[in-house]
């Protein structure tokens, strides 16, 4: 494996991990929005 292929693999892993963590974060926010303090202009 050359350096360029290794760097692409690392970059791909970082992008996939970022997408997974973002999906988990927003799913958690969607499921538990009622538990967060909210200003009056947000309705859920």
N, C-alpha and C. Protein backbone atom coordinates (compact mmCIF):
# COMPACT_ATOMS: atom_id res chain seq x y z
N UNK A 1 0.86 -1.19 0.00
CA UNK A 1 0.00 0.00 0.00
C UNK A 1 0.90 1.23 0.00
N UNK A 2 0.64 2.10 -0.95
CA UNK A 2 1.44 3.32 -0.98
C UNK A 2 0.81 4.38 -0.07
N UNK A 3 1.50 5.46 0.11
CA UNK A 3 1.07 6.51 1.04
C UNK A 3 -0.24 7.14 0.59
N UNK A 4 -0.40 7.35 -0.71
CA UNK A 4 -1.62 7.98 -1.22
C UNK A 4 -2.85 7.11 -0.95
N UNK A 5 -2.72 5.80 -1.16
CA UNK A 5 -3.83 4.89 -0.90
C UNK A 5 -4.14 4.84 0.60
N UNK A 6 -3.11 4.89 1.42
CA UNK A 6 -3.31 4.90 2.88
C UNK A 6 -4.02 6.16 3.34
N UNK A 7 -3.64 7.28 2.76
CA UNK A 7 -4.29 8.54 3.11
C UNK A 7 -5.75 8.54 2.69
N UNK A 8 -6.05 7.98 1.53
CA UNK A 8 -7.45 7.88 1.08
C UNK A 8 -8.26 6.98 2.00
N UNK A 9 -7.65 5.91 2.46
CA UNK A 9 -8.36 5.00 3.38
C UNK A 9 -8.66 5.69 4.71
N UNK A 10 -7.69 6.44 5.21
CA UNK A 10 -7.90 7.16 6.47
C UNK A 10 -8.97 8.22 6.29
N UNK A 11 -8.92 8.95 5.19
CA UNK A 11 -9.92 9.97 4.91
C UNK A 11 -11.32 9.36 4.80
N UNK A 12 -11.42 8.24 4.12
CA UNK A 12 -12.71 7.55 3.98
C UNK A 12 -13.25 7.13 5.34
N UNK A 13 -12.37 6.62 6.19
CA UNK A 13 -12.77 6.21 7.54
C UNK A 13 -13.25 7.41 8.36
N UNK A 14 -12.56 8.53 8.26
CA UNK A 14 -12.96 9.73 8.99
C UNK A 14 -14.32 10.24 8.51
N UNK A 15 -14.53 10.25 7.19
CA UNK A 15 -15.82 10.71 6.65
C UNK A 15 -16.95 9.79 7.08
N UNK A 16 -16.75 8.50 7.03
CA UNK A 16 -17.79 7.55 7.45
C UNK A 16 -18.09 7.70 8.94
N UNK A 17 -17.05 7.82 9.76
CA UNK A 17 -17.25 8.01 11.20
C UNK A 17 -18.00 9.31 11.48
N UNK A 18 -17.69 10.35 10.73
CA UNK A 18 -18.37 11.63 10.90
C UNK A 18 -19.85 11.51 10.54
N UNK A 19 -20.15 10.84 9.44
CA UNK A 19 -21.54 10.66 9.04
C UNK A 19 -22.33 9.84 10.05
N UNK A 20 -21.73 8.79 10.57
CA UNK A 20 -22.39 7.95 11.57
C UNK A 20 -22.64 8.74 12.85
N UNK A 21 -21.64 9.46 13.32
CA UNK A 21 -21.82 10.23 14.56
C UNK A 21 -22.85 11.34 14.38
N UNK A 22 -22.88 11.96 13.21
CA UNK A 22 -23.89 12.99 12.94
C UNK A 22 -25.29 12.40 12.93
N UNK A 23 -25.44 11.23 12.31
CA UNK A 23 -26.75 10.56 12.28
C UNK A 23 -27.21 10.21 13.69
N UNK A 24 -26.32 9.72 14.51
CA UNK A 24 -26.66 9.38 15.90
C UNK A 24 -27.06 10.65 16.67
N UNK A 25 -26.30 11.71 16.50
CA UNK A 25 -26.56 12.97 17.20
C UNK A 25 -27.94 13.53 16.85
N UNK A 26 -28.25 13.61 15.56
CA UNK A 26 -29.52 14.19 15.17
C UNK A 26 -30.70 13.26 15.48
N UNK A 27 -30.48 11.95 15.43
CA UNK A 27 -31.54 11.02 15.83
C UNK A 27 -31.85 11.18 17.31
N UNK A 28 -30.83 11.32 18.14
CA UNK A 28 -31.02 11.54 19.57
C UNK A 28 -31.79 12.84 19.81
N UNK A 29 -31.42 13.91 19.12
CA UNK A 29 -32.11 15.19 19.28
C UNK A 29 -33.57 15.07 18.86
N UNK A 30 -33.83 14.36 17.78
CA UNK A 30 -35.20 14.19 17.30
C UNK A 30 -36.04 13.40 18.30
N UNK A 31 -35.48 12.33 18.85
CA UNK A 31 -36.23 11.47 19.76
C UNK A 31 -36.50 12.13 21.11
N UNK A 32 -35.59 12.97 21.59
CA UNK A 32 -35.70 13.49 22.94
C UNK A 32 -35.88 15.00 22.99
N UNK A 33 -36.44 15.59 21.95
CA UNK A 33 -36.60 17.05 21.90
C UNK A 33 -37.50 17.56 23.02
N UNK A 34 -38.45 16.74 23.46
CA UNK A 34 -39.36 17.17 24.53
C UNK A 34 -38.63 17.39 25.85
N UNK A 35 -37.47 16.77 26.03
CA UNK A 35 -36.72 16.88 27.28
C UNK A 35 -35.86 18.14 27.36
N UNK A 36 -35.67 18.83 26.24
CA UNK A 36 -34.81 20.01 26.21
C UNK A 36 -35.62 21.26 26.53
N UNK A 37 -34.99 22.20 27.20
CA UNK A 37 -35.69 23.46 27.46
C UNK A 37 -35.85 24.20 26.14
N UNK A 38 -36.99 24.84 25.94
CA UNK A 38 -37.30 25.45 24.67
C UNK A 38 -37.85 26.85 24.86
N UNK A 39 -37.56 27.74 23.94
CA UNK A 39 -38.21 29.04 23.97
C UNK A 39 -39.68 28.87 23.53
N UNK A 40 -40.49 29.85 23.82
CA UNK A 40 -41.92 29.76 23.52
C UNK A 40 -42.26 29.66 22.06
N UNK A 41 -41.38 30.14 21.16
CA UNK A 41 -41.72 30.14 19.76
C UNK A 41 -41.45 28.80 19.07
N UNK A 42 -40.84 27.83 19.78
CA UNK A 42 -40.64 26.48 19.20
C UNK A 42 -41.78 25.60 19.68
N UNK A 43 -42.48 25.00 18.75
CA UNK A 43 -43.52 24.04 19.11
C UNK A 43 -43.10 22.66 18.62
N UNK A 44 -43.38 21.66 19.43
CA UNK A 44 -43.05 20.30 19.01
C UNK A 44 -44.20 19.37 19.31
